[in-house]
Amino acid sequence: MTNSTTVDQIADRVEHLLLRHEELQRTNALLQQQVLAVSHERDLLKSKLAAARSRVDALIERLPQNTSTDADS
């Protein structure tokens, strides 16, 4: 009976480990999806930031330059 009990315990442990493995695989897949989504969002925000920076730079270029009349005041 001892061998049977030991085999049953091992079988239960293996079954538990298999279930845990499947759970971890599902969790990993979800985390990978989240990483992809966040990476995509980051790339989109970087693109928006670059566009905004470009617009600000263009506006700065349009500002009048400092002249010596400021010093005369």
C-alpha atoms as a PDB file:
ATOM      1  CA  MET A   1       0.000   0.000   0.000  1.00  0.00           C
ATOM      2  CA  THR A   2       2.867   2.373   0.638  1.00  0.00           C
ATOM      3  CA  ASN A   3       3.928   2.303  -3.017  1.00  0.00           C
ATOM      4  CA  SER A   4       0.359   2.989  -4.103  1.00  0.00           C
ATOM      5  CA  THR A   5       0.077   5.912  -1.685  1.00  0.00           C
ATOM      6  CA  THR A   6       3.401   7.326  -2.838  1.00  0.00           C
ATOM      7  CA  VAL A   7       2.407   6.965  -6.486  1.00  0.00           C
ATOM      8  CA  ASP A   8      -0.932   8.688  -5.780  1.00  0.00           C
ATOM      9  CA  GLN A   9       0.858  11.536  -4.016  1.00  0.00           C
ATOM     10  CA  ILE A  10       3.259  11.930  -6.914  1.00  0.00           C
ATOM     11  CA  ALA A  11       0.383  11.809  -9.402  1.00  0.00           C
ATOM     12  CA  ASP A  12      -1.489  14.483  -7.438  1.00  0.00           C
ATOM     13  CA  ARG A  13       1.617  16.646  -7.299  1.00  0.00           C
ATOM     14  CA  VAL A  14       2.249  16.276 -11.042  1.00  0.00           C
ATOM     15  CA  GLU A  15      -1.377  17.135 -11.791  1.00  0.00           C
ATOM     16  CA  HIS A  16      -1.097  20.212  -9.574  1.00  0.00           C
ATOM     17  CA  LEU A  17       2.116  21.249 -11.314  1.00  0.00           C
ATOM     18  CA  LEU A  18       0.520  20.814 -14.748  1.00  0.00           C
ATOM     19  CA  LEU A  19      -2.420  22.989 -13.745  1.00  0.00           C
ATOM     20  CA  ARG A  20      -0.065  25.616 -12.357  1.00  0.00           C
ATOM     21  CA  HIS A  21       1.978  25.487 -15.574  1.00  0.00           C
ATOM     22  CA  GLU A  22      -1.146  26.086 -17.685  1.00  0.00           C
ATOM     23  CA  GLU A  23      -2.156  28.960 -15.413  1.00  0.00           C
ATOM     24  CA  LEU A  24       1.281  30.532 -15.755  1.00  0.00           C
ATOM     25  CA  GLN A  25       1.172  30.140 -19.532  1.00  0.00           C
ATOM     26  CA  ARG A  26      -2.180  31.980 -19.659  1.00  0.00           C
ATOM     27  CA  THR A  27      -0.849  34.704 -17.367  1.00  0.00           C
ATOM     28  CA  ASN A  28       2.267  35.045 -19.500  1.00  0.00           C
ATOM     29  CA  ALA A  29       0.188  35.376 -22.668  1.00  0.00           C
ATOM     30  CA  LEU A  30      -1.928  38.113 -21.063  1.00  0.00           C
ATOM     31  CA  LEU A  31       1.184  39.943 -19.892  1.00  0.00           C
ATOM     32  CA  GLN A  32       2.692  39.742 -23.375  1.00  0.00           C
ATOM     33  CA  GLN A  33      -0.488  41.278 -24.802  1.00  0.00           C
ATOM     34  CA  GLN A  34      -0.304  44.071 -22.231  1.00  0.00           C
ATOM     35  CA  VAL A  35       3.346  44.729 -23.075  1.00  0.00           C
ATOM     36  CA  LEU A  36       2.462  44.987 -26.763  1.00  0.00           C
ATOM     37  CA  ALA A  37      -0.410  47.368 -26.019  1.00  0.00           C
ATOM     38  CA  VAL A  38       1.731  49.559 -23.771  1.00  0.00           C
ATOM     39  CA  SER A  39       4.572  49.549 -26.290  1.00  0.00           C
ATOM     40  CA  HIS A  40       2.167  50.614 -29.026  1.00  0.00           C
ATOM     41  CA  GLU A  41       0.783  53.366 -26.799  1.00  0.00           C
ATOM     42  CA  ARG A  42       4.337  54.518 -25.969  1.00  0.00           C
ATOM     43  CA  ASP A  43       5.243  54.667 -29.657  1.00  0.00           C
ATOM     44  CA  LEU A  44       2.078  56.641 -30.407  1.00  0.00           C
ATOM     45  CA  LEU A  45       2.841  59.108 -27.607  1.00  0.00           C
ATOM     46  CA  LYS A  46       6.435  59.483 -28.827  1.00  0.00           C
ATOM     47  CA  SER A  47       5.117  60.293 -32.279  1.00  0.00           C
ATOM     48  CA  LYS A  48       2.666  62.852 -30.889  1.00  0.00           C
ATOM     49  CA  LEU A  49       5.436  64.384 -28.783  1.00  0.00           C
ATOM     50  CA  ALA A  50       7.722  64.698 -31.810  1.00  0.00           C
ATOM     51  CA  ALA A  51       4.937  66.347 -33.809  1.00  0.00           C
ATOM     52  CA  ALA A  52       4.168  68.762 -30.976  1.00  0.00           C
ATOM     53  CA  ARG A  53       7.852  69.547 -30.537  1.00  0.00           C
ATOM     54  CA  SER A  54       8.109  70.262 -34.265  1.00  0.00           C
ATOM     55  CA  ARG A  55       5.126  72.627 -34.112  1.00  0.00           C
ATOM     56  CA  VAL A  56       6.592  74.444 -31.098  1.00  0.00           C
ATOM     57  CA  ASP A  57       9.947  74.780 -32.857  1.00  0.00           C
ATOM     58  CA  ALA A  58       8.175  76.216 -35.917  1.00  0.00           C
ATOM     59  CA  LEU A  59       6.332  78.722 -33.728  1.00  0.00           C
ATOM     60  CA  ILE A  60       9.569  79.725 -32.010  1.00  0.00           C
ATOM     61  CA  GLU A  61      11.133  80.351 -35.410  1.00  0.00           C
ATOM     62  CA  ARG A  62       8.282  82.725 -36.235  1.00  0.00           C
ATOM     63  CA  LEU A  63       8.835  84.844 -33.112  1.00  0.00           C
ATOM     64  CA  PRO A  64      10.529  88.155 -33.740  1.00  0.00           C
ATOM     65  CA  GLN A  65      14.191  88.326 -32.836  1.00  0.00           C
ATOM     66  CA  ASN A  66      15.364  90.506 -29.954  1.00  0.00           C
ATOM     67  CA  THR A  67      16.441  93.898 -31.252  1.00  0.00           C
ATOM     68  CA  SER A  68      18.552  96.664 -29.835  1.00  0.00           C
ATOM     69  CA  THR A  69      15.377  98.734 -29.270  1.00  0.00           C
ATOM     70  CA  ASP A  70      14.756  96.627 -26.164  1.00  0.00           C
ATOM     71  CA  ALA A  71      18.023  97.919 -24.733  1.00  0.00           C
ATOM     72  CA  ASP A  72      17.082 101.546 -25.508  1.00  0.00           C
ATOM     73  CA  SER A  73      13.922 101.432 -23.367  1.00  0.00           C
END
